[in-house]
Amino acid sequence: MNIEIWDGRPRDVQPHVLFAGAFEVVSGSLALHDPNEDFVVIVRPHARTCAVEIMVDEPTFPGLIQIVISPSAGSEPAVENR
């Protein structure tokens, strides 16, 4: 399985949307991980409120997962961690 994490929409978007929603990023970062936390990626979005979409090539047994993180319309800049 391949996983792509995008800052903004990719040119070749996968055809099946598994999730589309928004997250408020109060801490300044998002943790993306599998259920066992064997795979963990920390993402620092550019905006405090982010639109998140998860698209796949195949809904039942995906070979490619795209996680797209974009600023929501009218969102404030992200809080910087110091």
PDB file of N, CA and C in Angstrom:
ATOM      1  N   MET A   1       0.833  -1.161   0.000  1.00  0.00           N
ATOM      2  CA  MET A   1       0.000   0.000   0.000  1.00  0.00           C
ATOM      3  C   MET A   1       0.888   1.236   0.000  1.00  0.00           C
ATOM      4  N   ASN A   2       0.519   2.218  -0.788  1.00  0.00           N
ATOM      5  CA  ASN A   2       1.232   3.494  -0.834  1.00  0.00           C
ATOM      6  C   ASN A   2       0.345   4.580  -0.241  1.00  0.00           C
ATOM      7  N   ILE A   3       0.950   5.474   0.526  1.00  0.00           N
ATOM      8  CA  ILE A   3       0.229   6.582   1.144  1.00  0.00           C
ATOM      9  C   ILE A   3       0.914   7.870   0.733  1.00  0.00           C
ATOM     10  N   GLU A   4       0.125   8.800   0.209  1.00  0.00           N
ATOM     11  CA  GLU A   4       0.617  10.121  -0.157  1.00  0.00           C
ATOM     12  C   GLU A   4      -0.038  11.147   0.760  1.00  0.00           C
ATOM     13  N   ILE A   5       0.748  12.063   1.264  1.00  0.00           N
ATOM     14  CA  ILE A   5       0.214  13.156   2.077  1.00  0.00           C
ATOM     15  C   ILE A   5       0.492  14.440   1.307  1.00  0.00           C
ATOM     16  N   TRP A   6      -0.579  15.154   0.974  1.00  0.00           N
ATOM     17  CA  TRP A   6      -0.481  16.326   0.111  1.00  0.00           C
ATOM     18  C   TRP A   6      -0.809  17.608   0.856  1.00  0.00           C
ATOM     19  N   ASP A   7      -0.042  18.639   0.571  1.00  0.00           N
ATOM     20  CA  ASP A   7      -0.317  20.009   1.012  1.00  0.00           C
ATOM     21  C   ASP A   7      -1.026  20.684  -0.161  1.00  0.00           C
ATOM     22  N   GLY A   8      -2.343  20.571  -0.195  1.00  0.00           N
ATOM     23  CA  GLY A   8      -3.123  21.040  -1.340  1.00  0.00           C
ATOM     24  C   GLY A   8      -3.450  19.883  -2.260  1.00  0.00           C
ATOM     25  N   ARG A   9      -4.337  20.130  -3.185  1.00  0.00           N
ATOM     26  CA  ARG A   9      -4.888  19.079  -4.048  1.00  0.00           C
ATOM     27  C   ARG A   9      -3.877  18.581  -5.086  1.00  0.00           C
ATOM     28  N   PRO A  10      -3.697  17.260  -5.190  1.00  0.00           N
ATOM     29  CA  PRO A  10      -2.789  16.719  -6.202  1.00  0.00           C
ATOM     30  C   PRO A  10      -3.403  16.822  -7.605  1.00  0.00           C
ATOM     31  N   ARG A  11      -2.554  16.737  -8.601  1.00  0.00           N
ATOM     32  CA  ARG A  11      -3.036  16.792  -9.989  1.00  0.00           C
ATOM     33  C   ARG A  11      -3.866  15.549 -10.326  1.00  0.00           C
ATOM     34  N   ASP A  12      -3.387  14.385  -9.910  1.00  0.00           N
ATOM     35  CA  ASP A  12      -4.086  13.122 -10.181  1.00  0.00           C
ATOM     36  C   ASP A  12      -4.788  12.653  -8.909  1.00  0.00           C
ATOM     37  N   VAL A  13      -6.036  13.055  -8.752  1.00  0.00           N
ATOM     38  CA  VAL A  13      -6.822  12.718  -7.568  1.00  0.00           C
ATOM     39  C   VAL A  13      -7.415  11.322  -7.733  1.00  0.00           C
ATOM     40  N   GLN A  14      -7.375  10.533  -6.675  1.00  0.00           N
ATOM     41  CA  GLN A  14      -7.962   9.188  -6.709  1.00  0.00           C
ATOM     42  C   GLN A  14      -9.492   9.285  -6.730  1.00  0.00           C
ATOM     43  N   PRO A  15     -10.169   8.299  -7.316  1.00  0.00           N
ATOM     44  CA  PRO A  15     -11.602   8.423  -7.600  1.00  0.00           C
ATOM     45  C   PRO A  15     -12.576   8.236  -6.430  1.00  0.00           C
ATOM     46  N   HIS A  16     -12.143   7.635  -5.333  1.00  0.00           N
ATOM     47  CA  HIS A  16     -13.083   7.328  -4.242  1.00  0.00           C
ATOM     48  C   HIS A  16     -12.745   8.141  -2.994  1.00  0.00           C
ATOM     49  N   VAL A  17     -13.721   8.899  -2.507  1.00  0.00           N
ATOM     50  CA  VAL A  17     -13.527   9.719  -1.307  1.00  0.00           C
ATOM     51  C   VAL A  17     -14.011   8.927  -0.093  1.00  0.00           C
ATOM     52  N   LEU A  18     -13.099   8.650   0.853  1.00  0.00           N
ATOM     53  CA  LEU A  18     -13.470   7.945   2.081  1.00  0.00           C
ATOM     54  C   LEU A  18     -13.846   8.915   3.187  1.00  0.00           C
ATOM     55  N   PHE A  19     -13.262  10.130   3.145  1.00  0.00           N
ATOM     56  CA  PHE A  19     -13.548  11.134   4.175  1.00  0.00           C
ATOM     57  C   PHE A  19     -13.346  12.514   3.579  1.00  0.00           C
ATOM     58  N   ALA A  20     -14.223  13.433   3.950  1.00  0.00           N
ATOM     59  CA  ALA A  20     -14.071  14.846   3.600  1.00  0.00           C
ATOM     60  C   ALA A  20     -14.638  15.645   4.762  1.00  0.00           C
ATOM     61  N   GLY A  21     -13.811  16.456   5.388  1.00  0.00           N
ATOM     62  CA  GLY A  21     -14.257  17.237   6.525  1.00  0.00           C
ATOM     63  C   GLY A  21     -13.221  18.272   6.904  1.00  0.00           C
ATOM     64  N   ALA A  22     -13.415  18.885   8.057  1.00  0.00           N
ATOM     65  CA  ALA A  22     -12.499  19.929   8.514  1.00  0.00           C
ATOM     66  C   ALA A  22     -12.055  19.631   9.942  1.00  0.00           C
ATOM     67  N   PHE A  23     -10.836  20.034  10.240  1.00  0.00           N
ATOM     68  CA  PHE A  23     -10.275  19.899  11.577  1.00  0.00           C
ATOM     69  C   PHE A  23      -9.767  21.259  12.029  1.00  0.00           C
ATOM     70  N   GLU A  24     -10.002  21.585  13.286  1.00  0.00           N
ATOM     71  CA  GLU A  24      -9.379  22.756  13.881  1.00  0.00           C
ATOM     72  C   GLU A  24      -8.088  22.280  14.530  1.00  0.00           C
ATOM     73  N   VAL A  25      -6.991  22.875  14.127  1.00  0.00           N
ATOM     74  CA  VAL A  25      -5.663  22.447  14.583  1.00  0.00           C
ATOM     75  C   VAL A  25      -5.187  23.422  15.658  1.00  0.00           C
ATOM     76  N   VAL A  26      -5.619  23.198  16.882  1.00  0.00           N
ATOM     77  CA  VAL A  26      -5.314  24.087  17.998  1.00  0.00           C
ATOM     78  C   VAL A  26      -3.837  24.007  18.379  1.00  0.00           C
ATOM     79  N   SER A  27      -3.279  22.817  18.361  1.00  0.00           N
ATOM     80  CA  SER A  27      -1.888  22.619  18.800  1.00  0.00           C
ATOM     81  C   SER A  27      -0.868  23.017  17.746  1.00  0.00           C
ATOM     82  N   GLY A  28      -1.306  23.200  16.497  1.00  0.00           N
ATOM     83  CA  GLY A  28      -0.377  23.531  15.424  1.00  0.00           C
ATOM     84  C   GLY A  28       0.103  22.336  14.630  1.00  0.00           C
ATOM     85  N   SER A  29      -0.318  21.114  15.012  1.00  0.00           N
ATOM     86  CA  SER A  29       0.100  19.933  14.256  1.00  0.00           C
ATOM     87  C   SER A  29      -0.980  18.856  14.286  1.00  0.00           C
ATOM     88  N   LEU A  30      -0.959  18.030  13.261  1.00  0.00           N
ATOM     89  CA  LEU A  30      -1.842  16.860  13.161  1.00  0.00           C
ATOM     90  C   LEU A  30      -0.970  15.612  13.178  1.00  0.00           C
ATOM     91  N   ALA A  31      -1.394  14.584  13.891  1.00  0.00           N
ATOM     92  CA  ALA A  31      -0.694  13.297  13.883  1.00  0.00           C
ATOM     93  C   ALA A  31      -1.507  12.331  13.042  1.00  0.00           C
ATOM     94  N   LEU A  32      -0.901  11.804  12.003  1.00  0.00           N
ATOM     95  CA  LEU A  32      -1.528  10.806  11.137  1.00  0.00           C
ATOM     96  C   LEU A  32      -0.897   9.462  11.481  1.00  0.00           C
ATOM     97  N   HIS A  33      -1.738   8.469  11.791  1.00  0.00           N
ATOM     98  CA  HIS A  33      -1.185   7.169  12.172  1.00  0.00           C
ATOM     99  C   HIS A  33      -2.166   6.047  11.872  1.00  0.00           C
ATOM    100  N   ASP A  34      -1.635   4.849  11.828  1.00  0.00           N
ATOM    101  CA  ASP A  34      -2.452   3.656  11.676  1.00  0.00           C
ATOM    102  C   ASP A  34      -3.010   3.284  13.054  1.00  0.00           C
ATOM    103  N   PRO A  35      -3.949   2.335  13.118  1.00  0.00           N
ATOM    104  CA  PRO A  35      -4.557   1.984  14.413  1.00  0.00           C
ATOM    105  C   PRO A  35      -3.570   1.508  15.478  1.00  0.00           C
ATOM    106  N   ASN A  36      -2.487   0.863  15.068  1.00  0.00           N
ATOM    107  CA  ASN A  36      -1.498   0.368  16.033  1.00  0.00           C
ATOM    108  C   ASN A  36      -0.386   1.380  16.316  1.00  0.00           C
ATOM    109  N   GLU A  37      -0.423   2.503  15.652  1.00  0.00           N
ATOM    110  CA  GLU A  37       0.603   3.536  15.751  1.00  0.00           C
ATOM    111  C   GLU A  37       1.992   3.030  15.367  1.00  0.00           C
ATOM    112  N   ASP A  38       2.030   2.066  14.418  1.00  0.00           N
ATOM    113  CA  ASP A  38       3.301   1.620  13.859  1.00  0.00           C
ATOM    114  C   ASP A  38       3.824   2.662  12.871  1.00  0.00           C
ATOM    115  N   PHE A  39       2.912   3.361  12.237  1.00  0.00           N
ATOM    116  CA  PHE A  39       3.212   4.390  11.244  1.00  0.00           C
ATOM    117  C   PHE A  39       2.671   5.711  11.783  1.00  0.00           C
ATOM    118  N   VAL A  40       3.537   6.690  12.028  1.00  0.00           N
ATOM    119  CA  VAL A  40       3.114   7.989  12.559  1.00  0.00           C
ATOM    120  C   VAL A  40       3.816   9.092  11.768  1.00  0.00           C
ATOM    121  N   VAL A  41       3.040  10.060  11.290  1.00  0.00           N
ATOM    122  CA  VAL A  41       3.575  11.233  10.609  1.00  0.00           C
ATOM    123  C   VAL A  41       2.959  12.460  11.265  1.00  0.00           C
ATOM    124  N   ILE A  42       3.796  13.423  11.630  1.00  0.00           N
ATOM    125  CA  ILE A  42       3.327  14.684  12.204  1.00  0.00           C
ATOM    126  C   ILE A  42       3.332  15.726  11.086  1.00  0.00           C
ATOM    127  N   VAL A  43       2.186  16.370  10.891  1.00  0.00           N
ATOM    128  CA  VAL A  43       2.024  17.382   9.845  1.00  0.00           C
ATOM    129  C   VAL A  43       1.719  18.715  10.516  1.00  0.00           C
ATOM    130  N   ARG A  44       2.383  19.766  10.064  1.00  0.00           N
ATOM    131  CA  ARG A  44       2.125  21.119  10.563  1.00  0.00           C
ATOM    132  C   ARG A  44       1.443  21.918   9.462  1.00  0.00           C
ATOM    133  N   PRO A  45       0.113  21.982   9.488  1.00  0.00           N
ATOM    134  CA  PRO A  45      -0.619  22.688   8.429  1.00  0.00           C
ATOM    135  C   PRO A  45      -0.362  24.195   8.466  1.00  0.00           C
ATOM    136  N   HIS A  46      -0.632  24.836   7.342  1.00  0.00           N
ATOM    137  CA  HIS A  46      -0.423  26.274   7.204  1.00  0.00           C
ATOM    138  C   HIS A  46      -1.546  27.094   7.829  1.00  0.00           C
ATOM    139  N   ALA A  47      -2.670  26.473   8.136  1.00  0.00           N
ATOM    140  CA  ALA A  47      -3.817  27.207   8.659  1.00  0.00           C
ATOM    141  C   ALA A  47      -4.360  26.522   9.904  1.00  0.00           C
ATOM    142  N   ARG A  48      -5.042  27.297  10.725  1.00  0.00           N
ATOM    143  CA  ARG A  48      -5.600  26.769  11.975  1.00  0.00           C
ATOM    144  C   ARG A  48      -6.762  25.804  11.720  1.00  0.00           C
ATOM    145  N   THR A  49      -7.559  26.079  10.700  1.00  0.00           N
ATOM    146  CA  THR A  49      -8.646  25.181  10.325  1.00  0.00           C
ATOM    147  C   THR A  49      -8.322  24.596   8.954  1.00  0.00           C
ATOM    148  N   CYS A  50      -8.300  23.281   8.866  1.00  0.00           N
ATOM    149  CA  CYS A  50      -7.888  22.602   7.642  1.00  0.00           C
ATOM    150  C   CYS A  50      -9.006  21.729   7.093  1.00  0.00           C
ATOM    151  N   ALA A  51      -9.120  21.762   5.782  1.00  0.00           N
ATOM    152  CA  ALA A  51      -9.974  20.803   5.088  1.00  0.00           C
ATOM    153  C   ALA A  51      -9.123  19.551   4.881  1.00  0.00           C
ATOM    154  N   VAL A  52      -9.687  18.404   5.207  1.00  0.00           N
ATOM    155  CA  VAL A  52      -8.972  17.136   5.051  1.00  0.00           C
ATOM    156  C   VAL A  52      -9.826  16.216   4.193  1.00  0.00           C
ATOM    157  N   GLU A  53      -9.202  15.654   3.161  1.00  0.00           N
ATOM    158  CA  GLU A  53      -9.868  14.669   2.309  1.00  0.00           C
ATOM    159  C   GLU A  53      -8.985  13.429   2.245  1.00  0.00           C
ATOM    160  N   ILE A  54      -9.625  12.278   2.288  1.00  0.00           N
ATOM    161  CA  ILE A  54      -8.912  11.016   2.109  1.00  0.00           C
ATOM    162  C   ILE A  54      -9.524  10.322   0.908  1.00  0.00           C
ATOM    163  N   MET A  55      -8.701  10.135  -0.125  1.00  0.00           N
ATOM    164  CA  MET A  55      -9.141   9.502  -1.356  1.00  0.00           C
ATOM    165  C   MET A  55      -8.340   8.223  -1.598  1.00  0.00           C
ATOM    166  N   VAL A  56      -8.979   7.250  -2.227  1.00  0.00           N
ATOM    167  CA  VAL A  56      -8.320   5.970  -2.499  1.00  0.00           C
ATOM    168  C   VAL A  56      -8.601   5.528  -3.927  1.00  0.00           C
ATOM    169  N   ASP A  57      -7.743   4.638  -4.421  1.00  0.00           N
ATOM    170  CA  ASP A  57      -7.939   4.091  -5.761  1.00  0.00           C
ATOM    171  C   ASP A  57      -9.023   3.017  -5.773  1.00  0.00           C
ATOM    172  N   GLU A  58      -9.176   2.312  -4.670  1.00  0.00           N
ATOM    173  CA  GLU A  58     -10.132   1.207  -4.552  1.00  0.00           C
ATOM    174  C   GLU A  58     -10.728   1.243  -3.147  1.00  0.00           C
ATOM    175  N   PRO A  59     -12.062   1.335  -3.005  1.00  0.00           N
ATOM    176  CA  PRO A  59     -12.633   1.502  -1.666  1.00  0.00           C
ATOM    177  C   PRO A  59     -12.504   0.295  -0.738  1.00  0.00           C
ATOM    178  N   THR A  60     -12.474  -0.916  -1.261  1.00  0.00           N
ATOM    179  CA  THR A  60     -12.440  -2.101  -0.409  1.00  0.00           C
ATOM    180  C   THR A  60     -11.030  -2.449   0.055  1.00  0.00           C
ATOM    181  N   PHE A  61     -10.100  -2.569  -0.868  1.00  0.00           N
ATOM    182  CA  PHE A  61      -8.703  -2.882  -0.561  1.00  0.00           C
ATOM    183  C   PHE A  61      -7.795  -1.898  -1.301  1.00  0.00           C
ATOM    184  N   PRO A  62      -7.631  -0.684  -0.770  1.00  0.00           N
ATOM    185  CA  PRO A  62      -6.869   0.327  -1.504  1.00  0.00           C
ATOM    186  C   PRO A  62      -5.388  -0.014  -1.614  1.00  0.00           C
ATOM    187  N   GLY A  63      -4.829   0.308  -2.769  1.00  0.00           N
ATOM    188  CA  GLY A  63      -3.392   0.198  -2.987  1.00  0.00           C
ATOM    189  C   GLY A  63      -2.729   1.556  -2.871  1.00  0.00           C
ATOM    190  N   LEU A  64      -3.537   2.621  -3.034  1.00  0.00           N
ATOM    191  CA  LEU A  64      -3.038   3.987  -2.933  1.00  0.00           C
ATOM    192  C   LEU A  64      -4.023   4.817  -2.118  1.00  0.00           C
ATOM    193  N   ILE A  65      -3.517   5.478  -1.100  1.00  0.00           N
ATOM    194  CA  ILE A  65      -4.311   6.374  -0.257  1.00  0.00           C
ATOM    195  C   ILE A  65      -3.714   7.768  -0.386  1.00  0.00           C
ATOM    196  N   GLN A  66      -4.555   8.757  -0.682  1.00  0.00           N
ATOM    197  CA  GLN A  66      -4.126  10.143  -0.717  1.00  0.00           C
ATOM    198  C   GLN A  66      -4.783  10.887   0.444  1.00  0.00           C
ATOM    199  N   ILE A  67      -3.973  11.531   1.265  1.00  0.00           N
ATOM    200  CA  ILE A  67      -4.476  12.376   2.342  1.00  0.00           C
ATOM    201  C   ILE A  67      -4.147  13.807   1.934  1.00  0.00           C
ATOM    202  N   VAL A  68      -5.187  14.607   1.728  1.00  0.00           N
ATOM    203  CA  VAL A  68      -5.023  15.969   1.236  1.00  0.00           C
ATOM    204  C   VAL A  68      -5.397  16.933   2.353  1.00  0.00           C
ATOM    205  N   ILE A  69      -4.464  17.815   2.720  1.00  0.00           N
ATOM    206  CA  ILE A  69      -4.690  18.798   3.780  1.00  0.00           C
ATOM    207  C   ILE A  69      -4.553  20.183   3.161  1.00  0.00           C
ATOM    208  N   SER A  70      -5.638  20.963   3.242  1.00  0.00           N
ATOM    209  CA  SER A  70      -5.668  22.301   2.657  1.00  0.00           C
ATOM    210  C   SER A  70      -6.250  23.277   3.664  1.00  0.00           C
ATOM    211  N   PRO A  71      -5.841  24.557   3.603  1.00  0.00           N
ATOM    212  CA  PRO A  71      -6.473  25.549   4.478  1.00  0.00           C
ATOM    213  C   PRO A  71      -7.953  25.676   4.143  1.00  0.00           C
ATOM    214  N   SER A  72      -8.801  25.788   5.150  1.00  0.00           N
ATOM    215  CA  SER A  72     -10.220  26.049   4.926  1.00  0.00           C
ATOM    216  C   SER A  72     -10.384  27.515   4.561  1.00  0.00           C
ATOM    217  N   ALA A  73     -11.428  27.817   3.814  1.00  0.00           N
ATOM    218  CA  ALA A  73     -11.692  29.199   3.409  1.00  0.00           C
ATOM    219  C   ALA A  73     -11.825  30.092   4.639  1.00  0.00           C
ATOM    220  N   GLY A  74     -11.139  31.218   4.644  1.00  0.00           N
ATOM    221  CA  GLY A  74     -11.225  32.175   5.743  1.00  0.00           C
ATOM    222  C   GLY A  74     -10.492  31.759   7.004  1.00  0.00           C
ATOM    223  N   SER A  75      -9.673  30.745   6.924  1.00  0.00           N
ATOM    224  CA  SER A  75      -8.973  30.243   8.107  1.00  0.00           C
ATOM    225  C   SER A  75      -7.845  31.179   8.519  1.00  0.00           C
ATOM    226  N   GLU A  76      -7.587  31.208   9.823  1.00  0.00           N
ATOM    227  CA  GLU A  76      -6.467  31.977  10.370  1.00  0.00           C
ATOM    228  C   GLU A  76      -5.179  31.189  10.146  1.00  0.00           C
ATOM    229  N   PRO A  77      -4.026  31.885  10.119  1.00  0.00           N
ATOM    230  CA  PRO A  77      -2.752  31.160  10.036  1.00  0.00           C
ATOM    231  C   PRO A  77      -2.589  30.221  11.231  1.00  0.00           C
ATOM    232  N   ALA A  78      -1.836  29.173  11.022  1.00  0.00           N
ATOM    233  CA  ALA A  78      -1.587  28.187  12.086  1.00  0.00           C
ATOM    234  C   ALA A  78      -0.805  28.820  13.228  1.00  0.00           C
ATOM    235  N   VAL A  79      -0.986  28.280  14.411  1.00  0.00           N
ATOM    236  CA  VAL A  79      -0.250  28.726  15.584  1.00  0.00           C
ATOM    237  C   VAL A  79       1.142  28.118  15.528  1.00  0.00           C
ATOM    238  N   GLU A  80       2.168  28.934  15.725  1.00  0.00           N
ATOM    239  CA  GLU A  80       3.530  28.417  15.718  1.00  0.00           C
ATOM    240  C   GLU A  80       3.879  27.836  17.079  1.00  0.00           C
ATOM    241  N   ASN A  81       4.510  26.671  17.073  1.00  0.00           N
ATOM    242  CA  ASN A  81       5.006  26.084  18.313  1.00  0.00           C
ATOM    243  C   ASN A  81       6.360  26.703  18.633  1.00  0.00           C
ATOM    244  N   ARG A  82       6.579  27.016  19.881  1.00  0.00           N
ATOM    245  CA  ARG A  82       7.849  27.613  20.285  1.00  0.00           C
ATOM    246  C   ARG A  82       8.502  26.795  21.337  1.00  0.00           C
TER     247      ARG A  82
END
